[in-house]
Protein backbone atom coordinates (compact mmCIF):
# COMPACT_ATOMS: atom_id res chain seq x y z
CA MET A 1 120.51 135.30 62.99
CA ASP A 2 117.33 135.59 63.42
CA GLY A 3 114.79 137.82 61.58
CA VAL A 4 113.51 139.66 58.35
CA LEU A 5 116.02 140.90 55.87
CA VAL A 6 114.33 143.23 53.18
CA ILE A 7 116.27 143.27 50.09
CA ASP A 8 115.56 145.43 47.19
CA LYS A 9 115.79 142.67 44.42
CA PRO A 10 117.41 143.35 40.87
CA SER A 11 116.22 142.36 37.63
CA GLY A 12 117.24 139.33 36.50
CA PRO A 13 117.53 136.78 39.09
CA THR A 14 114.81 134.51 40.34
CA SER A 15 113.46 134.80 44.12
CA PHE A 16 115.23 131.94 44.72
CA ASP A 17 118.50 132.93 43.29
CA VAL A 18 118.12 135.64 45.84
CA VAL A 19 117.52 133.53 48.84
CA ARG A 20 120.32 131.20 47.93
CA GLN A 21 123.02 134.18 47.57
CA VAL A 22 121.53 135.41 50.90
CA ARG A 23 122.03 132.33 52.52
CA ALA A 24 125.40 132.12 51.26
CA LEU A 25 126.50 135.36 52.31
CA LEU A 26 125.37 135.26 55.61
CA LYS A 27 126.37 131.90 56.29
CA VAL A 28 122.86 130.92 57.81
CA LYS A 29 121.60 127.35 57.47
CA LYS A 30 117.61 128.72 57.26
CA ALA A 31 116.03 131.34 54.73
CA GLY A 32 113.01 131.59 52.58
CA HIS A 33 111.36 134.23 50.86
CA THR A 34 107.75 135.50 51.65
CA GLY A 35 106.21 135.91 48.20
CA THR A 36 107.73 135.34 45.13
CA LEU A 37 108.84 138.15 42.39
CA ASP A 38 109.24 137.36 38.62
CA PRO A 39 112.92 137.65 37.65
CA MET A 40 111.96 140.61 35.72
CA ALA A 41 110.36 142.31 38.71
CA THR A 42 112.42 144.53 41.02
CA GLY A 43 112.07 145.95 44.23
CA VAL A 44 110.71 144.73 47.81
CA LEU A 45 111.72 140.94 48.44
CA PRO A 46 111.55 139.97 52.28
CA ILE A 47 113.78 137.28 53.14
CA CYS A 48 113.22 135.31 56.69
CA LEU A 49 116.10 134.10 58.43
CA GLY A 50 116.74 131.51 60.96
CA GLU A 51 113.31 131.52 63.26
CA ALA A 52 111.36 133.77 61.38
CA THR A 53 111.29 131.38 58.37
CA LYS A 54 108.64 129.44 60.87
CA VAL A 55 106.33 132.49 60.34
CA ALA A 56 106.91 133.17 56.86
CA GLY A 57 103.72 132.00 55.84
CA PHE A 58 101.72 134.82 58.20
CA ILE A 59 104.03 137.06 56.36
CA THR A 60 102.82 136.33 52.90
CA GLU A 61 99.15 137.47 53.68
CA GLY A 62 99.75 141.04 53.92
CA ASP A 63 98.68 143.47 50.96
CA LYS A 64 100.91 144.29 47.85
CA ALA A 65 101.79 147.56 46.10
CA TYR A 66 103.47 147.88 42.58
CA GLU A 67 104.70 150.62 39.95
CA ALA A 68 104.15 148.85 36.62
CA THR A 69 104.67 149.66 33.14
CA VAL A 70 102.08 148.37 30.69
CA ARG A 71 103.36 148.39 26.84
CA LEU A 72 100.38 148.37 24.69
CA GLY A 73 99.79 146.89 21.13
CA VAL A 74 101.53 143.34 21.74
CA GLU A 75 100.78 140.23 23.53
CA THR A 76 103.11 137.65 24.84
CA ASP A 77 102.83 134.07 26.05
CA THR A 78 103.80 134.89 29.62
CA GLN A 79 102.07 138.25 29.70
CA ASP A 80 105.36 140.18 30.55
CA ALA A 81 108.55 141.39 28.63
CA GLN A 82 110.12 138.46 28.99
CA GLY A 83 107.63 136.05 26.87
CA LYS A 84 107.37 135.24 22.65
CA VAL A 85 105.37 137.90 21.37
CA THR A 86 101.97 135.98 20.17
CA ALA A 87 100.18 138.86 18.31
CA GLU A 88 100.71 142.50 17.60
CA SER A 89 97.74 145.51 16.87
CA ALA A 90 97.36 149.06 16.38
CA VAL A 91 96.83 150.65 19.51
CA PRO A 92 93.77 153.11 19.52
CA PRO A 93 94.09 157.05 20.02
CA LEU A 94 94.19 157.08 24.02
CA THR A 95 92.40 159.51 25.83
CA ALA A 96 92.51 159.93 29.87
CA PRO A 97 88.52 159.56 30.40
CA MET A 98 88.98 156.27 27.99
CA LEU A 99 91.68 155.07 30.05
CA ASP A 100 89.58 155.84 33.37
CA ALA A 101 86.81 153.98 32.14
CA THR A 102 89.16 151.30 31.13
CA LEU A 103 90.41 150.90 34.80
CA ALA A 104 87.45 151.18 36.53
CA PRO A 105 86.30 147.50 36.31
CA PHE A 106 89.62 146.18 37.69
CA ARG A 107 89.42 148.19 40.83
CA GLY A 108 87.79 146.66 43.77
CA THR A 109 87.11 142.74 44.47
CA PHE A 110 86.76 140.31 41.44
CA GLU A 111 88.03 137.28 39.88
CA GLN A 112 91.33 137.00 38.30
CA VAL A 113 92.01 134.01 36.17
CA PRO A 114 95.79 133.23 36.78
CA PRO A 115 98.21 133.01 33.89
CA MET A 116 99.75 129.76 32.32
CA TYR A 117 103.23 131.30 33.23
CA SER A 118 102.51 130.95 37.29
CA ALA A 119 103.43 128.72 39.71
CA VAL A 120 99.82 128.34 40.71
CA LYS A 121 98.77 124.50 41.19
CA VAL A 122 96.12 122.86 38.64
CA ALA A 123 95.86 119.03 39.65
CA GLY A 124 98.73 118.62 41.20
CA LYS A 125 101.15 120.63 38.74
CA ARG A 126 102.54 123.92 38.46
CA LEU A 127 100.91 125.96 35.68
CA TYR A 128 104.37 127.05 34.47
CA GLU A 129 105.58 123.17 34.06
CA LEU A 130 102.41 122.54 31.60
CA ALA A 131 102.86 125.65 29.86
CA ARG A 132 106.62 124.88 29.18
CA ALA A 133 105.26 121.67 28.02
CA GLY A 134 103.18 123.29 25.74
CA GLU A 135 99.66 122.57 27.47
CA GLU A 136 97.28 125.38 28.13
CA VAL A 137 94.38 124.14 30.87
CA GLU A 138 91.48 125.46 32.15
CA ARG A 139 92.09 127.67 35.18
CA ALA A 140 89.35 128.44 37.61
CA GLY A 141 89.42 132.41 38.64
CA ARG A 142 90.71 133.35 41.94
CA GLN A 143 89.14 136.34 43.83
CA VAL A 144 91.46 139.19 44.37
CA THR A 145 91.04 142.56 45.76
CA VAL A 146 92.59 145.91 43.98
CA TYR A 147 92.48 148.51 46.41
CA GLU A 148 94.23 151.30 44.56
CA LEU A 149 94.52 151.44 40.75
CA THR A 150 96.03 155.07 39.23
CA LEU A 151 96.93 155.82 36.14
CA ARG A 152 100.11 157.78 36.84
CA ASP A 153 101.04 158.51 32.73
CA PHE A 154 100.44 157.30 29.18
CA SER A 155 102.13 157.67 26.01
CA SER A 156 100.55 156.56 22.74
CA ASP A 157 101.64 153.04 23.66
CA ARG A 158 102.48 152.96 27.38
CA LEU A 159 100.34 153.10 30.66
CA ARG A 160 102.52 153.81 33.87
CA LEU A 161 100.28 152.55 36.43
CA SER A 162 100.24 152.30 40.70
CA VAL A 163 98.46 149.29 41.92
CA ARG A 164 97.88 148.26 45.65
CA CYS A 165 96.38 145.00 46.05
CA SER A 166 95.74 141.87 47.92
CA LYS A 167 98.06 138.73 48.18
CA GLY A 168 97.75 136.38 44.71
CA PHE A 169 96.96 139.37 42.51
CA PHE A 170 99.02 138.93 39.27
CA VAL A 171 99.65 142.54 37.78
CA ARG A 172 101.25 140.94 34.79
CA THR A 173 97.36 139.28 34.16
CA LEU A 174 96.21 142.80 35.06
CA ALA A 175 98.07 143.85 32.08
CA TYR A 176 96.87 141.67 29.52
CA ASP A 177 93.39 142.38 30.72
CA ILE A 178 93.75 146.00 30.12
CA GLY A 179 95.08 145.26 26.71
CA ARG A 180 92.00 143.30 25.74
CA ALA A 181 89.72 145.62 27.05
CA LEU A 182 91.23 148.35 24.75
CA GLY A 183 91.13 145.86 22.08
CA CYS A 184 94.80 145.97 21.29
CA GLY A 185 96.51 143.43 23.45
CA ALA A 186 99.15 144.29 26.03
CA HIS A 187 101.71 143.04 28.35
CA LEU A 188 103.62 143.96 31.25
CA GLU A 189 107.03 145.98 30.23
CA MET A 190 108.04 146.92 34.01
CA LEU A 191 107.46 146.10 37.14
CA ARG A 192 108.74 147.43 40.50
CA ARG A 193 107.35 146.13 44.02
CA THR A 194 106.99 149.27 46.31
CA MET A 195 105.49 147.29 49.44
CA SER A 196 104.61 143.79 50.74
CA GLY A 197 102.75 143.74 53.72
CA PRO A 198 104.59 145.80 56.38
CA PHE A 199 108.04 145.91 54.32
CA THR A 200 108.50 149.02 52.00
CA LEU A 201 111.38 150.50 49.94
CA ALA A 202 112.59 152.35 52.30
CA GLN A 203 113.68 149.44 54.62
CA ALA A 204 115.37 147.64 51.68
CA LEU A 205 118.91 146.60 50.95
CA PRO A 206 119.85 146.56 47.34
CA LEU A 207 121.29 143.27 46.90
CA ALA A 208 124.33 144.50 45.37
CA GLU A 209 125.33 145.91 48.50
CA LEU A 210 125.22 142.51 50.67
CA PRO A 211 128.51 141.07 49.70
CA GLY A 212 130.08 144.13 51.20
CA LEU A 213 128.12 144.00 54.22
CA ALA A 214 128.24 140.09 54.63
CA GLN A 215 131.52 140.09 57.06
CA ASP A 216 129.78 142.47 59.60
CA ARG A 217 127.23 140.41 61.01
CA ALA A 218 126.47 143.42 63.41
CA THR A 219 125.61 145.85 60.91
CA VAL A 220 123.37 143.16 59.45
CA ALA A 221 122.06 142.22 62.52
CA ARG A 222 121.12 146.00 62.92
CA LYS A 223 118.98 145.62 59.44
CA LEU A 224 116.86 142.83 60.31
CA LEU A 225 113.44 143.30 61.58
CA SER A 226 112.21 141.44 64.39
CA LEU A 227 109.56 138.60 64.33
CA SER A 228 107.30 140.57 66.01
CA GLU A 229 107.65 143.71 63.56
CA ALA A 230 107.58 141.35 60.73
CA LEU A 231 103.95 140.37 61.75
CA SER A 232 102.98 144.00 62.77
CA HIS A 233 99.80 143.76 60.83
CA LEU A 234 98.63 141.42 63.42
CA PRO A 235 96.94 142.74 66.48
CA SER A 236 99.06 141.69 69.89
CA LEU A 237 98.48 140.15 72.97
CA ARG A 238 101.54 140.88 75.90
CA VAL A 239 101.22 138.43 78.67
CA SER A 240 103.57 138.28 82.05
CA ALA A 241 106.54 136.42 82.18
CA ALA A 242 104.81 133.72 83.88
CA ASP A 243 102.40 133.51 81.10
CA ALA A 244 105.10 133.65 78.70
CA ALA A 245 106.60 130.38 80.09
CA ARG A 246 103.37 128.60 79.60
CA VAL A 247 102.63 130.17 75.89
CA THR A 248 106.14 128.30 75.03
CA HIS A 249 105.04 124.93 76.32
CA GLY A 250 101.22 125.31 74.53
CA VAL A 251 99.21 125.89 77.42
CA PRO A 252 96.17 127.34 76.29
CA LEU A 253 95.69 130.39 78.05
CA GLU A 254 92.62 132.43 79.07
CA ALA A 255 92.34 135.73 76.76
CA PRO A 256 90.14 138.55 75.66
CA ALA A 257 87.95 138.13 72.72
CA MET A 258 90.08 139.40 69.75
CA PRO A 259 88.96 138.98 66.16
CA GLY A 260 91.38 136.95 64.06
CA ARG A 261 95.02 135.74 64.10
CA ILE A 262 97.02 137.85 66.71
CA ARG A 263 100.69 138.14 67.89
CA VAL A 264 101.21 136.76 71.57
CA LEU A 265 104.43 138.46 73.28
CA GLY A 266 106.30 138.32 76.09
CA PRO A 267 107.03 141.32 78.51
CA ASP A 268 109.91 142.31 76.60
CA GLY A 269 107.98 142.41 73.38
CA THR A 270 109.48 139.04 71.86
CA LEU A 271 107.00 137.03 69.49
CA LEU A 272 106.26 134.35 71.53
CA ALA A 273 103.17 132.46 69.46
CA VAL A 274 100.54 133.34 66.77
CA ALA A 275 97.08 132.51 68.05
CA GLU A 276 93.47 132.84 67.55
CA VAL A 277 91.26 133.56 70.53
CA LEU A 278 88.61 130.62 70.71
CA LYS A 279 86.11 130.22 73.33
CA GLY A 280 87.90 132.65 75.38
CA ARG A 281 91.11 130.65 75.14
CA LEU A 282 94.55 131.10 73.25
CA SER A 283 94.64 128.41 70.07
CA TYR A 284 98.16 128.62 68.81
CA LEU A 285 98.72 128.33 64.66
CA ARG A 286 102.33 128.68 65.73
CA VAL A 287 104.62 128.22 68.81
CA LEU A 288 107.94 129.73 68.90
CA ALA A 289 110.45 127.98 71.47
């Protein structure tokens, strides 16, 4: 069973818990996710099965979209609702113009400091490992891009936001930074991922439905997205049957100039490789047998 199964992750389990459940139910040897969702978060979690695990690293590069609720007036050590409260403060009276002005600096490209409770590595250690040991270390800012940040609604102490951003962006930290900008503190109360690269909620299978489908492998197979579909954000180059055999043996074929990474497809549309065109020839980043 090769392809990507898009799961609608419920709140509670970790992304690794979901992978383990999918692997056990479908009885597949190879399975992995394409980008962690926090246990509290719900929504789009693409799971790579079989040969798709070989291209998982290329799938993670896509943009992400979220619906989020920010609770104002309360900060936590994890920057979300699962953490311990570290500070509380009165929330100032909110107005739409005031909030628009507050959100404006968080649109576009800027540096974001990752939270201590995250999988980012510093000096070879995960930040969450250091945080659980009671340590806080200096973290360098990382360049991120927010393509869209929309205020959907607000009340006296909550904001409802839609966010479309680059990979590596922490919505938890956005909530924290908004709270600091307003002078009252904040944390992320709810997060739902609605898009991850080419994958959307419309394609997602609720995790609770998977046990009922697991015995019908044909039905599950129809819900899988092919490797080529999973990398549909990359431009494609289709080759002949004769050249397809050369690609699978790593022969650097001549190719027209194309920017960035590309999908190399066989005559039937099957993904053969991920490559770049360098000096008029294919330079392979991953070849699929």
